[in-house]
N, C-alpha and C. Protein backbone atom coordinates (compact mmCIF):
# COMPACT_ATOMS: atom_id res chain seq x y z
N MET A 1 -27.08 -44.46 17.27
CA MET A 1 -28.12 -43.84 18.08
C MET A 1 -29.45 -44.58 17.94
N GLU A 2 -29.62 -45.35 16.87
CA GLU A 2 -30.89 -46.01 16.64
C GLU A 2 -31.29 -46.91 17.81
N ALA A 3 -30.28 -47.57 18.44
CA ALA A 3 -30.58 -48.48 19.54
C ALA A 3 -31.18 -47.75 20.73
N LEU A 4 -30.94 -46.44 20.79
CA LEU A 4 -31.44 -45.67 21.93
C LEU A 4 -32.77 -45.01 21.64
N MET A 5 -33.25 -45.09 20.42
CA MET A 5 -34.52 -44.47 20.08
C MET A 5 -35.68 -45.34 20.58
N GLU A 6 -35.98 -45.20 21.83
CA GLU A 6 -37.01 -46.01 22.45
C GLU A 6 -37.71 -45.19 23.52
N ARG A 7 -38.68 -45.78 24.18
CA ARG A 7 -39.38 -45.10 25.25
C ARG A 7 -38.54 -45.09 26.52
N LEU A 8 -38.54 -43.97 27.21
CA LEU A 8 -37.80 -43.82 28.45
C LEU A 8 -38.78 -43.62 29.60
N THR A 9 -38.45 -44.18 30.76
CA THR A 9 -39.25 -43.92 31.95
C THR A 9 -39.01 -42.49 32.40
N THR A 10 -39.78 -42.03 33.37
CA THR A 10 -39.62 -40.65 33.84
C THR A 10 -38.23 -40.42 34.43
N SER A 11 -37.71 -41.39 35.18
CA SER A 11 -36.39 -41.21 35.78
C SER A 11 -35.30 -41.27 34.72
N GLU A 12 -35.46 -42.12 33.72
CA GLU A 12 -34.49 -42.19 32.63
C GLU A 12 -34.52 -40.90 31.81
N ALA A 13 -35.70 -40.38 31.56
CA ALA A 13 -35.83 -39.13 30.81
C ALA A 13 -35.21 -37.97 31.59
N ALA A 14 -35.38 -37.99 32.91
CA ALA A 14 -34.80 -36.93 33.74
C ALA A 14 -33.28 -36.94 33.63
N VAL A 15 -32.69 -38.12 33.70
CA VAL A 15 -31.24 -38.24 33.58
C VAL A 15 -30.78 -37.82 32.19
N ALA A 16 -31.47 -38.27 31.16
CA ALA A 16 -31.08 -37.94 29.80
C ALA A 16 -31.18 -36.44 29.52
N ALA A 17 -32.22 -35.81 30.04
CA ALA A 17 -32.42 -34.38 29.82
C ALA A 17 -31.61 -33.53 30.78
N GLY A 18 -31.13 -34.13 31.86
CA GLY A 18 -30.36 -33.38 32.85
C GLY A 18 -31.23 -32.53 33.75
N VAL A 19 -32.43 -33.01 34.07
CA VAL A 19 -33.34 -32.26 34.93
C VAL A 19 -33.81 -33.18 36.06
N SER A 20 -34.72 -32.68 36.89
CA SER A 20 -35.24 -33.49 37.99
C SER A 20 -36.50 -34.23 37.56
N VAL A 21 -36.83 -35.28 38.29
CA VAL A 21 -38.05 -36.03 38.00
C VAL A 21 -39.30 -35.15 38.17
N PRO A 22 -39.40 -34.32 39.21
CA PRO A 22 -40.56 -33.42 39.29
C PRO A 22 -40.69 -32.53 38.06
N GLN A 23 -39.58 -32.09 37.50
CA GLN A 23 -39.65 -31.29 36.27
C GLN A 23 -40.17 -32.11 35.10
N ILE A 24 -39.80 -33.39 35.08
CA ILE A 24 -40.31 -34.28 34.03
C ILE A 24 -41.83 -34.40 34.14
N HIS A 25 -42.34 -34.58 35.34
CA HIS A 25 -43.79 -34.69 35.52
C HIS A 25 -44.48 -33.36 35.16
N ARG A 26 -43.80 -32.27 35.43
CA ARG A 26 -44.37 -30.96 35.09
C ARG A 26 -44.56 -30.83 33.58
N ILE A 27 -43.64 -31.41 32.81
CA ILE A 27 -43.74 -31.38 31.35
C ILE A 27 -45.09 -31.94 30.90
N ILE A 28 -45.52 -33.03 31.54
CA ILE A 28 -46.79 -33.65 31.18
C ILE A 28 -47.97 -32.91 31.80
N ASP A 29 -47.87 -32.62 33.09
CA ASP A 29 -48.99 -32.00 33.80
C ASP A 29 -49.37 -30.65 33.21
N GLU A 30 -48.37 -29.90 32.75
CA GLU A 30 -48.63 -28.58 32.18
C GLU A 30 -48.70 -28.60 30.65
N LYS A 31 -48.65 -29.80 30.09
CA LYS A 31 -48.76 -29.98 28.64
C LYS A 31 -47.78 -29.09 27.88
N ILE A 32 -46.54 -29.13 28.32
CA ILE A 32 -45.51 -28.30 27.70
C ILE A 32 -45.08 -28.85 26.34
N LEU A 33 -45.05 -30.18 26.22
CA LEU A 33 -44.66 -30.80 24.95
C LEU A 33 -45.88 -31.34 24.21
N PRO A 34 -45.78 -31.47 22.90
CA PRO A 34 -46.85 -32.12 22.14
C PRO A 34 -47.08 -33.53 22.67
N GLU A 35 -48.31 -33.98 22.68
CA GLU A 35 -48.64 -35.26 23.30
C GLU A 35 -48.02 -36.46 22.61
N ASP A 36 -47.61 -36.32 21.34
CA ASP A 36 -47.01 -37.47 20.68
C ASP A 36 -45.58 -37.74 21.14
N LEU A 37 -45.03 -36.86 21.98
CA LEU A 37 -43.68 -37.06 22.51
C LEU A 37 -43.67 -37.87 23.81
N TYR A 38 -44.84 -38.12 24.36
CA TYR A 38 -44.89 -38.91 25.60
C TYR A 38 -46.17 -39.72 25.64
N SER A 39 -46.21 -40.64 26.60
CA SER A 39 -47.40 -41.47 26.77
C SER A 39 -47.75 -41.53 28.25
N THR A 40 -49.03 -41.56 28.54
CA THR A 40 -49.49 -41.71 29.93
C THR A 40 -50.27 -43.00 30.11
N THR A 41 -50.20 -43.87 29.12
CA THR A 41 -50.90 -45.15 29.19
C THR A 41 -50.15 -46.09 30.13
N GLN A 42 -50.81 -46.57 31.16
CA GLN A 42 -50.23 -47.45 32.17
C GLN A 42 -49.14 -46.75 32.99
N MET A 43 -48.13 -46.23 32.33
CA MET A 43 -47.09 -45.47 33.03
C MET A 43 -46.61 -44.35 32.11
N ARG A 44 -46.00 -43.34 32.71
CA ARG A 44 -45.52 -42.21 31.92
C ARG A 44 -44.18 -42.56 31.27
N THR A 45 -44.12 -42.42 29.96
CA THR A 45 -42.89 -42.66 29.22
C THR A 45 -42.70 -41.56 28.19
N PHE A 46 -41.45 -41.41 27.76
CA PHE A 46 -41.10 -40.35 26.81
C PHE A 46 -40.35 -40.91 25.62
N ARG A 47 -40.56 -40.32 24.47
CA ARG A 47 -39.71 -40.59 23.33
C ARG A 47 -38.34 -40.00 23.60
N THR A 48 -37.31 -40.62 23.05
CA THR A 48 -35.95 -40.16 23.29
C THR A 48 -35.75 -38.70 22.87
N ASP A 49 -36.29 -38.33 21.70
CA ASP A 49 -36.07 -36.97 21.22
C ASP A 49 -36.76 -35.93 22.06
N ALA A 50 -37.72 -36.34 22.89
CA ALA A 50 -38.37 -35.38 23.79
C ALA A 50 -37.36 -34.78 24.76
N CYS A 51 -36.31 -35.53 25.07
CA CYS A 51 -35.32 -35.06 26.05
C CYS A 51 -34.58 -33.82 25.57
N VAL A 52 -34.43 -33.67 24.26
CA VAL A 52 -33.78 -32.47 23.73
C VAL A 52 -34.64 -31.24 24.04
N LEU A 53 -35.94 -31.35 23.82
CA LEU A 53 -36.83 -30.23 24.08
C LEU A 53 -37.01 -29.97 25.57
N ILE A 54 -36.99 -31.04 26.37
CA ILE A 54 -37.08 -30.87 27.82
C ILE A 54 -35.85 -30.12 28.33
N ALA A 55 -34.67 -30.53 27.86
CA ALA A 55 -33.44 -29.85 28.25
C ALA A 55 -33.47 -28.39 27.82
N PHE A 56 -33.93 -28.15 26.60
CA PHE A 56 -34.04 -26.77 26.09
C PHE A 56 -34.98 -25.94 26.96
N TYR A 57 -36.13 -26.48 27.30
CA TYR A 57 -37.15 -25.72 28.02
C TYR A 57 -36.63 -25.23 29.37
N PHE A 58 -35.95 -26.09 30.11
CA PHE A 58 -35.49 -25.70 31.44
C PHE A 58 -34.15 -24.97 31.41
N ALA A 59 -33.29 -25.29 30.44
CA ALA A 59 -31.99 -24.62 30.36
C ALA A 59 -32.12 -23.16 29.97
N THR A 60 -33.17 -22.81 29.23
CA THR A 60 -33.33 -21.43 28.75
C THR A 60 -34.36 -20.64 29.57
N ALA A 61 -34.73 -21.17 30.72
CA ALA A 61 -35.77 -20.52 31.54
C ALA A 61 -35.40 -19.09 31.94
N GLU A 62 -34.10 -18.84 32.14
CA GLU A 62 -33.68 -17.50 32.56
C GLU A 62 -33.44 -16.57 31.37
N SER A 63 -33.44 -17.14 30.17
CA SER A 63 -33.14 -16.35 28.98
C SER A 63 -34.37 -16.06 28.12
N LEU A 64 -35.34 -16.97 28.16
CA LEU A 64 -36.53 -16.83 27.33
C LEU A 64 -37.79 -16.95 28.18
N THR A 65 -38.84 -16.25 27.79
CA THR A 65 -40.11 -16.38 28.49
C THR A 65 -40.71 -17.75 28.20
N ALA A 66 -41.66 -18.17 29.02
CA ALA A 66 -42.33 -19.45 28.80
C ALA A 66 -43.01 -19.46 27.44
N GLN A 67 -43.61 -18.32 27.08
CA GLN A 67 -44.30 -18.23 25.79
C GLN A 67 -43.32 -18.42 24.63
N ALA A 68 -42.14 -17.80 24.74
CA ALA A 68 -41.14 -17.93 23.68
C ALA A 68 -40.62 -19.35 23.59
N ARG A 69 -40.45 -20.00 24.74
CA ARG A 69 -39.96 -21.39 24.74
C ARG A 69 -40.99 -22.33 24.12
N LEU A 70 -42.24 -22.13 24.47
CA LEU A 70 -43.30 -22.97 23.90
C LEU A 70 -43.42 -22.76 22.39
N ARG A 71 -43.26 -21.52 21.96
CA ARG A 71 -43.35 -21.23 20.53
C ARG A 71 -42.17 -21.88 19.79
N THR A 72 -40.99 -21.84 20.41
CA THR A 72 -39.82 -22.47 19.81
C THR A 72 -40.00 -23.98 19.69
N ILE A 73 -40.59 -24.58 20.72
CA ILE A 73 -40.84 -26.02 20.70
C ILE A 73 -41.79 -26.38 19.56
N ARG A 74 -42.85 -25.61 19.41
CA ARG A 74 -43.81 -25.87 18.33
C ARG A 74 -43.15 -25.76 16.96
N ASN A 75 -42.35 -24.70 16.79
CA ASN A 75 -41.67 -24.50 15.52
C ASN A 75 -40.65 -25.60 15.24
N ALA A 76 -39.95 -26.02 16.30
CA ALA A 76 -38.95 -27.07 16.14
C ALA A 76 -39.60 -28.38 15.72
N MET A 77 -40.73 -28.70 16.33
CA MET A 77 -41.41 -29.95 16.01
C MET A 77 -41.88 -29.98 14.56
N ALA A 78 -42.12 -28.81 13.99
CA ALA A 78 -42.58 -28.74 12.61
C ALA A 78 -41.46 -28.97 11.60
N HIS A 79 -40.20 -28.90 12.09
CA HIS A 79 -39.07 -29.01 11.17
C HIS A 79 -38.18 -30.22 11.41
N CYS A 80 -38.25 -30.82 12.60
CA CYS A 80 -37.36 -31.94 12.92
C CYS A 80 -38.12 -33.25 12.95
N GLY A 81 -37.72 -34.17 12.07
CA GLY A 81 -38.40 -35.45 12.03
C GLY A 81 -37.52 -36.62 12.38
N SER A 82 -36.21 -36.37 12.56
CA SER A 82 -35.29 -37.45 12.91
C SER A 82 -34.32 -36.97 13.98
N TRP A 83 -33.68 -37.92 14.64
CA TRP A 83 -32.77 -37.58 15.74
C TRP A 83 -31.63 -36.69 15.26
N ASP A 84 -30.98 -37.03 14.16
CA ASP A 84 -29.83 -36.27 13.69
C ASP A 84 -30.19 -34.85 13.27
N GLN A 85 -31.42 -34.62 12.87
CA GLN A 85 -31.83 -33.27 12.49
C GLN A 85 -31.75 -32.30 13.66
N TRP A 86 -31.94 -32.81 14.87
CA TRP A 86 -31.87 -31.93 16.04
C TRP A 86 -30.48 -31.36 16.24
N ARG A 87 -29.47 -32.13 15.86
CA ARG A 87 -28.08 -31.70 16.07
C ARG A 87 -27.78 -30.40 15.33
N ASP A 88 -28.27 -30.26 14.13
CA ASP A 88 -27.95 -29.10 13.31
C ASP A 88 -29.09 -28.09 13.21
N PHE A 89 -30.10 -28.26 14.05
CA PHE A 89 -31.28 -27.41 13.94
C PHE A 89 -31.07 -26.06 14.61
N ASN A 90 -31.39 -24.98 13.88
CA ASN A 90 -31.38 -23.62 14.40
C ASN A 90 -32.73 -22.99 14.07
N ILE A 91 -33.16 -22.10 14.91
CA ILE A 91 -34.43 -21.45 14.65
C ILE A 91 -34.36 -19.99 15.08
N GLU A 92 -34.90 -19.11 14.28
CA GLU A 92 -34.93 -17.68 14.58
C GLU A 92 -36.34 -17.28 15.00
N ASP A 93 -36.41 -16.52 16.08
CA ASP A 93 -37.71 -16.13 16.59
C ASP A 93 -37.60 -14.78 17.29
N HIS A 94 -38.25 -13.77 16.73
CA HIS A 94 -38.25 -12.44 17.33
C HIS A 94 -36.83 -11.96 17.68
N PHE A 95 -35.95 -11.93 16.68
CA PHE A 95 -34.59 -11.42 16.81
C PHE A 95 -33.69 -12.31 17.69
N ILE A 96 -34.13 -13.50 18.02
CA ILE A 96 -33.31 -14.43 18.80
C ILE A 96 -33.09 -15.68 17.97
N THR A 97 -31.85 -16.13 17.92
CA THR A 97 -31.53 -17.37 17.22
C THR A 97 -31.19 -18.45 18.24
N VAL A 98 -31.88 -19.56 18.15
CA VAL A 98 -31.65 -20.68 19.05
C VAL A 98 -30.93 -21.78 18.30
N HIS A 99 -29.77 -22.19 18.82
CA HIS A 99 -29.01 -23.29 18.25
C HIS A 99 -29.15 -24.50 19.17
N PHE A 100 -29.60 -25.61 18.64
CA PHE A 100 -29.84 -26.80 19.45
C PHE A 100 -28.62 -27.72 19.55
N SER A 101 -27.53 -27.39 18.89
CA SER A 101 -26.40 -28.32 18.79
C SER A 101 -25.84 -28.74 20.15
N GLU A 102 -25.56 -27.76 21.03
CA GLU A 102 -24.97 -28.11 22.32
C GLU A 102 -25.94 -28.87 23.20
N ILE A 103 -27.20 -28.49 23.14
CA ILE A 103 -28.22 -29.20 23.93
C ILE A 103 -28.33 -30.64 23.43
N TRP A 104 -28.36 -30.81 22.11
CA TRP A 104 -28.43 -32.14 21.51
C TRP A 104 -27.24 -32.99 21.92
N GLU A 105 -26.05 -32.41 21.87
CA GLU A 105 -24.84 -33.16 22.21
C GLU A 105 -24.86 -33.61 23.67
N GLY A 106 -25.33 -32.75 24.56
CA GLY A 106 -25.41 -33.12 25.97
C GLY A 106 -26.39 -34.26 26.20
N VAL A 107 -27.53 -34.18 25.55
CA VAL A 107 -28.53 -35.24 25.70
C VAL A 107 -28.01 -36.55 25.11
N GLU A 108 -27.40 -36.46 23.93
CA GLU A 108 -26.90 -37.70 23.32
C GLU A 108 -25.83 -38.36 24.19
N GLU A 109 -24.94 -37.56 24.76
CA GLU A 109 -23.90 -38.13 25.63
C GLU A 109 -24.52 -38.84 26.83
N ARG A 110 -25.53 -38.23 27.43
CA ARG A 110 -26.16 -38.88 28.59
C ARG A 110 -26.94 -40.13 28.17
N LEU A 111 -27.51 -40.12 26.97
CA LEU A 111 -28.19 -41.31 26.48
C LEU A 111 -27.21 -42.46 26.26
N HIS A 112 -26.03 -42.14 25.77
CA HIS A 112 -25.02 -43.18 25.60
C HIS A 112 -24.55 -43.70 26.95
N GLN A 113 -24.42 -42.82 27.93
CA GLN A 113 -24.08 -43.26 29.27
C GLN A 113 -25.16 -44.18 29.83
N LEU A 114 -26.41 -43.82 29.57
CA LEU A 114 -27.52 -44.64 30.02
C LEU A 114 -27.47 -46.02 29.38
N LYS A 115 -27.17 -46.08 28.10
CA LYS A 115 -27.06 -47.36 27.40
C LYS A 115 -25.94 -48.20 27.99
N ARG A 116 -24.79 -47.58 28.24
CA ARG A 116 -23.66 -48.31 28.84
C ARG A 116 -23.99 -48.80 30.24
N ALA A 117 -24.69 -47.96 31.01
CA ALA A 117 -25.06 -48.35 32.37
C ALA A 117 -26.01 -49.54 32.35
N ARG A 118 -26.97 -49.50 31.44
CA ARG A 118 -27.91 -50.63 31.33
C ARG A 118 -27.17 -51.92 31.00
N GLU A 119 -26.23 -51.83 30.06
CA GLU A 119 -25.49 -53.01 29.64
C GLU A 119 -24.56 -53.53 30.74
N MET A 120 -24.14 -52.65 31.62
CA MET A 120 -23.21 -53.04 32.68
C MET A 120 -23.89 -53.82 33.80
N VAL A 121 -25.18 -53.61 33.99
CA VAL A 121 -25.89 -54.21 35.13
C VAL A 121 -26.68 -55.44 34.68
N ILE A 122 -26.59 -56.50 35.46
CA ILE A 122 -27.35 -57.71 35.16
C ILE A 122 -28.11 -58.16 36.41
N GLU A 123 -29.17 -58.90 36.18
CA GLU A 123 -29.94 -59.52 37.27
C GLU A 123 -30.03 -61.00 36.96
N ASP A 124 -29.33 -61.80 37.75
CA ASP A 124 -29.27 -63.25 37.56
C ASP A 124 -29.74 -63.93 38.84
N PRO A 125 -30.77 -64.77 38.75
CA PRO A 125 -31.27 -65.46 39.96
C PRO A 125 -30.19 -66.24 40.70
N GLU A 126 -29.13 -66.61 39.99
CA GLU A 126 -28.07 -67.38 40.61
C GLU A 126 -26.98 -66.51 41.22
N ILE A 127 -27.10 -65.21 41.05
CA ILE A 127 -26.14 -64.28 41.64
C ILE A 127 -26.86 -63.40 42.65
N LEU A 128 -26.60 -63.62 43.93
CA LEU A 128 -27.22 -62.85 45.01
C LEU A 128 -28.73 -62.79 44.87
N SER A 129 -29.31 -63.92 44.48
CA SER A 129 -30.78 -64.06 44.37
C SER A 129 -31.42 -63.04 43.44
N GLY A 130 -30.69 -62.65 42.42
CA GLY A 130 -31.25 -61.72 41.44
C GLY A 130 -31.02 -60.26 41.74
N THR A 131 -30.26 -59.96 42.77
CA THR A 131 -29.93 -58.57 43.06
C THR A 131 -29.17 -57.96 41.88
N PRO A 132 -29.51 -56.76 41.43
CA PRO A 132 -28.78 -56.14 40.31
C PRO A 132 -27.30 -55.95 40.68
N VAL A 133 -26.44 -56.54 39.88
CA VAL A 133 -24.99 -56.46 40.12
C VAL A 133 -24.28 -55.96 38.88
N ILE A 134 -23.05 -55.53 39.08
CA ILE A 134 -22.22 -55.09 37.96
C ILE A 134 -21.72 -56.33 37.23
N ARG A 135 -21.92 -56.34 35.94
CA ARG A 135 -21.60 -57.51 35.11
C ARG A 135 -20.16 -57.99 35.37
N GLY A 136 -20.01 -59.30 35.51
CA GLY A 136 -18.69 -59.89 35.74
C GLY A 136 -18.25 -59.88 37.18
N THR A 137 -19.13 -59.37 38.08
CA THR A 137 -18.81 -59.32 39.50
C THR A 137 -20.02 -59.77 40.30
N ARG A 138 -19.86 -59.79 41.60
CA ARG A 138 -20.98 -60.03 42.50
C ARG A 138 -21.25 -58.78 43.34
N VAL A 139 -20.91 -57.65 42.78
CA VAL A 139 -21.03 -56.37 43.49
C VAL A 139 -22.37 -55.72 43.18
N PRO A 140 -23.23 -55.51 44.19
CA PRO A 140 -24.53 -54.86 43.96
C PRO A 140 -24.35 -53.43 43.48
N VAL A 141 -24.97 -53.10 42.38
CA VAL A 141 -24.78 -51.79 41.78
C VAL A 141 -25.28 -50.67 42.69
N TYR A 142 -26.36 -50.92 43.44
CA TYR A 142 -26.89 -49.86 44.30
C TYR A 142 -26.01 -49.60 45.51
N ASP A 143 -25.25 -50.60 45.95
CA ASP A 143 -24.30 -50.40 47.04
C ASP A 143 -23.18 -49.47 46.61
N VAL A 144 -22.70 -49.69 45.40
CA VAL A 144 -21.64 -48.84 44.86
C VAL A 144 -22.15 -47.41 44.66
N ALA A 145 -23.35 -47.30 44.11
CA ALA A 145 -23.93 -45.98 43.89
C ALA A 145 -24.13 -45.24 45.20
N ALA A 146 -24.59 -45.95 46.23
CA ALA A 146 -24.81 -45.32 47.54
C ALA A 146 -23.50 -44.80 48.12
N ALA A 147 -22.45 -45.58 47.94
CA ALA A 147 -21.14 -45.14 48.44
C ALA A 147 -20.68 -43.89 47.72
N ALA A 148 -20.86 -43.86 46.41
CA ALA A 148 -20.46 -42.69 45.62
C ALA A 148 -21.27 -41.46 46.01
N GLU A 149 -22.59 -41.65 46.16
CA GLU A 149 -23.46 -40.52 46.48
C GLU A 149 -23.24 -39.99 47.89
N SER A 150 -22.71 -40.84 48.78
CA SER A 150 -22.46 -40.40 50.16
C SER A 150 -21.19 -39.57 50.28
N GLY A 151 -20.45 -39.48 49.18
CA GLY A 151 -19.23 -38.68 49.20
C GLY A 151 -17.97 -39.49 49.42
N THR A 152 -18.09 -40.81 49.46
CA THR A 152 -16.91 -41.65 49.62
C THR A 152 -15.99 -41.46 48.42
N SER A 153 -14.70 -41.32 48.69
CA SER A 153 -13.75 -41.07 47.61
C SER A 153 -13.65 -42.26 46.67
N MET A 154 -13.26 -41.98 45.44
CA MET A 154 -13.11 -43.04 44.46
C MET A 154 -12.08 -44.06 44.91
N ASP A 155 -10.97 -43.60 45.47
CA ASP A 155 -9.92 -44.52 45.94
C ASP A 155 -10.46 -45.48 46.98
N ARG A 156 -11.24 -44.95 47.90
CA ARG A 156 -11.78 -45.80 48.96
C ARG A 156 -12.78 -46.81 48.40
N ILE A 157 -13.61 -46.37 47.45
CA ILE A 157 -14.58 -47.29 46.84
C ILE A 157 -13.86 -48.41 46.11
N LEU A 158 -12.81 -48.07 45.37
CA LEU A 158 -12.07 -49.07 44.61
C LEU A 158 -11.34 -50.04 45.53
N LYS A 159 -10.93 -49.55 46.69
CA LYS A 159 -10.29 -50.45 47.66
C LYS A 159 -11.31 -51.40 48.27
N SER A 160 -12.54 -50.90 48.44
CA SER A 160 -13.60 -51.74 49.00
C SER A 160 -14.08 -52.76 47.97
N TYR A 161 -14.03 -52.37 46.69
CA TYR A 161 -14.48 -53.26 45.61
C TYR A 161 -13.35 -53.39 44.59
N PRO A 162 -12.31 -54.17 44.89
CA PRO A 162 -11.13 -54.26 44.02
C PRO A 162 -11.41 -54.81 42.63
N SER A 163 -12.55 -55.42 42.43
CA SER A 163 -12.88 -55.96 41.11
C SER A 163 -13.41 -54.89 40.16
N LEU A 164 -13.64 -53.68 40.68
CA LEU A 164 -14.23 -52.61 39.86
C LEU A 164 -13.19 -51.64 39.32
N LYS A 165 -13.57 -50.98 38.23
CA LYS A 165 -12.79 -49.89 37.66
C LYS A 165 -13.53 -48.59 37.96
N ASP A 166 -12.82 -47.47 37.85
CA ASP A 166 -13.45 -46.19 38.18
C ASP A 166 -14.65 -45.89 37.29
N TRP A 167 -14.58 -46.28 36.00
CA TRP A 167 -15.70 -46.00 35.09
C TRP A 167 -16.95 -46.78 35.50
N GLN A 168 -16.75 -47.95 36.10
CA GLN A 168 -17.90 -48.73 36.56
C GLN A 168 -18.56 -48.06 37.77
N VAL A 169 -17.76 -47.46 38.61
CA VAL A 169 -18.30 -46.74 39.76
C VAL A 169 -19.14 -45.56 39.29
N LYS A 170 -18.62 -44.83 38.31
CA LYS A 170 -19.35 -43.68 37.78
C LYS A 170 -20.66 -44.10 37.12
N LEU A 171 -20.61 -45.19 36.37
CA LEU A 171 -21.82 -45.67 35.72
C LEU A 171 -22.81 -46.24 36.72
N ALA A 172 -22.32 -46.79 37.83
CA ALA A 172 -23.21 -47.31 38.86
C ALA A 172 -24.06 -46.18 39.44
N SER A 173 -23.43 -45.04 39.69
CA SER A 173 -24.16 -43.89 40.19
C SER A 173 -25.17 -43.39 39.17
N PHE A 174 -24.77 -43.40 37.91
CA PHE A 174 -25.65 -42.97 36.83
C PHE A 174 -26.85 -43.91 36.72
N TYR A 175 -26.59 -45.22 36.81
CA TYR A 175 -27.65 -46.22 36.71
C TYR A 175 -28.66 -46.06 37.84
N ALA A 176 -28.19 -45.83 39.04
CA ALA A 176 -29.08 -45.71 40.20
C ALA A 176 -30.00 -44.51 40.08
N LYS A 177 -29.56 -43.46 39.42
CA LYS A 177 -30.42 -42.30 39.20
C LYS A 177 -31.46 -42.59 38.12
N ALA A 178 -31.03 -43.32 37.09
CA ALA A 178 -31.93 -43.62 35.98
C ALA A 178 -32.91 -44.74 36.33
N VAL A 179 -32.48 -45.65 37.18
CA VAL A 179 -33.33 -46.78 37.59
C VAL A 179 -33.33 -46.84 39.11
N PRO A 180 -33.99 -45.91 39.77
CA PRO A 180 -33.95 -45.86 41.25
C PRO A 180 -34.64 -47.07 41.86
N LEU A 181 -34.15 -47.43 43.04
CA LEU A 181 -34.78 -48.53 43.76
C LEU A 181 -36.23 -48.20 44.06
N ARG A 182 -37.09 -49.17 43.97
CA ARG A 182 -38.50 -48.95 44.25
C ARG A 182 -38.69 -48.51 45.70
N GLY A 183 -39.60 -47.55 45.88
CA GLY A 183 -39.89 -47.10 47.23
C GLY A 183 -39.06 -45.92 47.67
N ARG A 184 -38.03 -45.60 46.88
CA ARG A 184 -37.20 -44.45 47.23
C ARG A 184 -37.63 -43.24 46.43
N PRO A 185 -37.54 -42.05 47.04
CA PRO A 185 -37.93 -40.84 46.31
C PRO A 185 -37.02 -40.59 45.13
N LYS A 186 -37.61 -40.09 44.05
CA LYS A 186 -36.85 -39.78 42.85
C LYS A 186 -36.57 -38.29 42.81
N GLY A 187 -35.37 -37.91 43.14
CA GLY A 187 -35.03 -36.50 43.18
C GLY A 187 -34.34 -36.05 41.92
N ALA A 188 -33.53 -34.99 42.05
CA ALA A 188 -32.83 -34.46 40.88
C ALA A 188 -31.87 -35.48 40.34
N SER A 189 -31.74 -35.49 39.03
CA SER A 189 -30.90 -36.49 38.41
C SER A 189 -29.43 -36.29 38.74
N GLY A 190 -28.94 -35.07 38.52
CA GLY A 190 -27.57 -34.77 38.90
C GLY A 190 -26.52 -35.57 38.18
N ALA A 191 -26.83 -36.32 37.17
CA ALA A 191 -25.85 -37.15 36.48
C ALA A 191 -25.40 -36.44 35.21
N GLY A 192 -24.49 -35.49 35.40
CA GLY A 192 -24.07 -34.74 34.22
C GLY A 192 -25.20 -33.92 33.68
N GLY A 193 -26.00 -33.30 34.55
CA GLY A 193 -27.25 -32.68 34.16
C GLY A 193 -27.09 -31.38 33.40
N THR A 194 -28.22 -30.73 33.19
CA THR A 194 -28.27 -29.53 32.38
C THR A 194 -27.34 -28.45 32.91
N LYS A 195 -27.30 -28.27 34.23
CA LYS A 195 -26.46 -27.21 34.76
C LYS A 195 -24.99 -27.45 34.46
N GLY A 196 -24.61 -28.73 34.38
CA GLY A 196 -23.22 -29.04 34.09
C GLY A 196 -22.90 -28.96 32.61
N SER A 197 -23.85 -29.32 31.76
CA SER A 197 -23.56 -29.41 30.33
C SER A 197 -24.01 -28.18 29.56
N ILE A 198 -24.92 -27.41 30.14
CA ILE A 198 -25.41 -26.22 29.45
C ILE A 198 -25.34 -25.06 30.43
N THR A 199 -24.17 -24.48 30.57
CA THR A 199 -23.98 -23.40 31.52
C THR A 199 -24.45 -22.09 30.92
N LYS A 200 -24.56 -21.08 31.78
CA LYS A 200 -25.00 -19.77 31.29
C LYS A 200 -24.02 -19.25 30.23
N LYS A 201 -22.73 -19.49 30.45
CA LYS A 201 -21.74 -19.00 29.50
C LYS A 201 -21.94 -19.65 28.14
N ARG A 202 -22.19 -20.95 28.13
CA ARG A 202 -22.38 -21.65 26.86
C ARG A 202 -23.71 -21.29 26.25
N LEU A 203 -24.68 -20.96 27.08
CA LEU A 203 -25.97 -20.57 26.53
C LEU A 203 -25.88 -19.27 25.75
N ARG A 204 -24.98 -18.38 26.21
CA ARG A 204 -24.84 -17.11 25.52
C ARG A 204 -24.38 -17.32 24.08
N SER A 205 -23.57 -18.37 23.88
CA SER A 205 -23.12 -18.66 22.52
C SER A 205 -24.19 -19.35 21.70
N SER A 206 -25.18 -19.92 22.40
CA SER A 206 -26.26 -20.62 21.70
C SER A 206 -27.48 -19.73 21.48
N LEU A 207 -27.61 -18.71 22.29
CA LEU A 207 -28.74 -17.79 22.16
C LEU A 207 -28.19 -16.40 21.89
N SER A 208 -28.27 -15.93 20.67
CA SER A 208 -27.70 -14.63 20.33
C SER A 208 -28.81 -13.68 19.90
N GLY A 209 -28.89 -12.55 20.57
CA GLY A 209 -29.92 -11.59 20.21
C GLY A 209 -29.57 -10.84 18.94
N GLY A 210 -30.60 -10.28 18.23
CA GLY A 210 -30.39 -9.58 16.98
C GLY A 210 -30.33 -8.09 17.19
């Protein structure tokens, strides 16, 4: 995990936390997180561990008040100093116990996907004039992502790009959300996001009243 402990752009943080880019900007604009978890110098960036708290804040919106979520974030920051500590961190607050394990696992999985997606894509001036392509091919990653996002079936995409594997197609879509083309609107991440990894049913097991 150490290789992933770095600054993330707003779109990368959105994908890692499983939320939308507007929600990421809201985190800063409304000062929801402590300022040492993000930077606004030159461009907005986030520490990797901020994604755990971002995921927590929005995933528990229907279960906890904003005041309770902010109080939990403050208390968590006072006890967690390393990435692995978040995995086993639990906190009790006003007869409610919050377990961060499932939220942490979801964020870590998406961070690993982000790392794999980054490693899969290369930009070489000698390949399509530097267009981002999938490593080992001449296939533009954004073309594959666009096909996937348009609803084209996996079988059809693989027939169109026989040099690709299904996992590369999935990562291409993930990469395009984390590193959107310039000039295009940055919408919801949708790449294995919070709603998929932290459902209401699973939240009930993570948030137990006293």
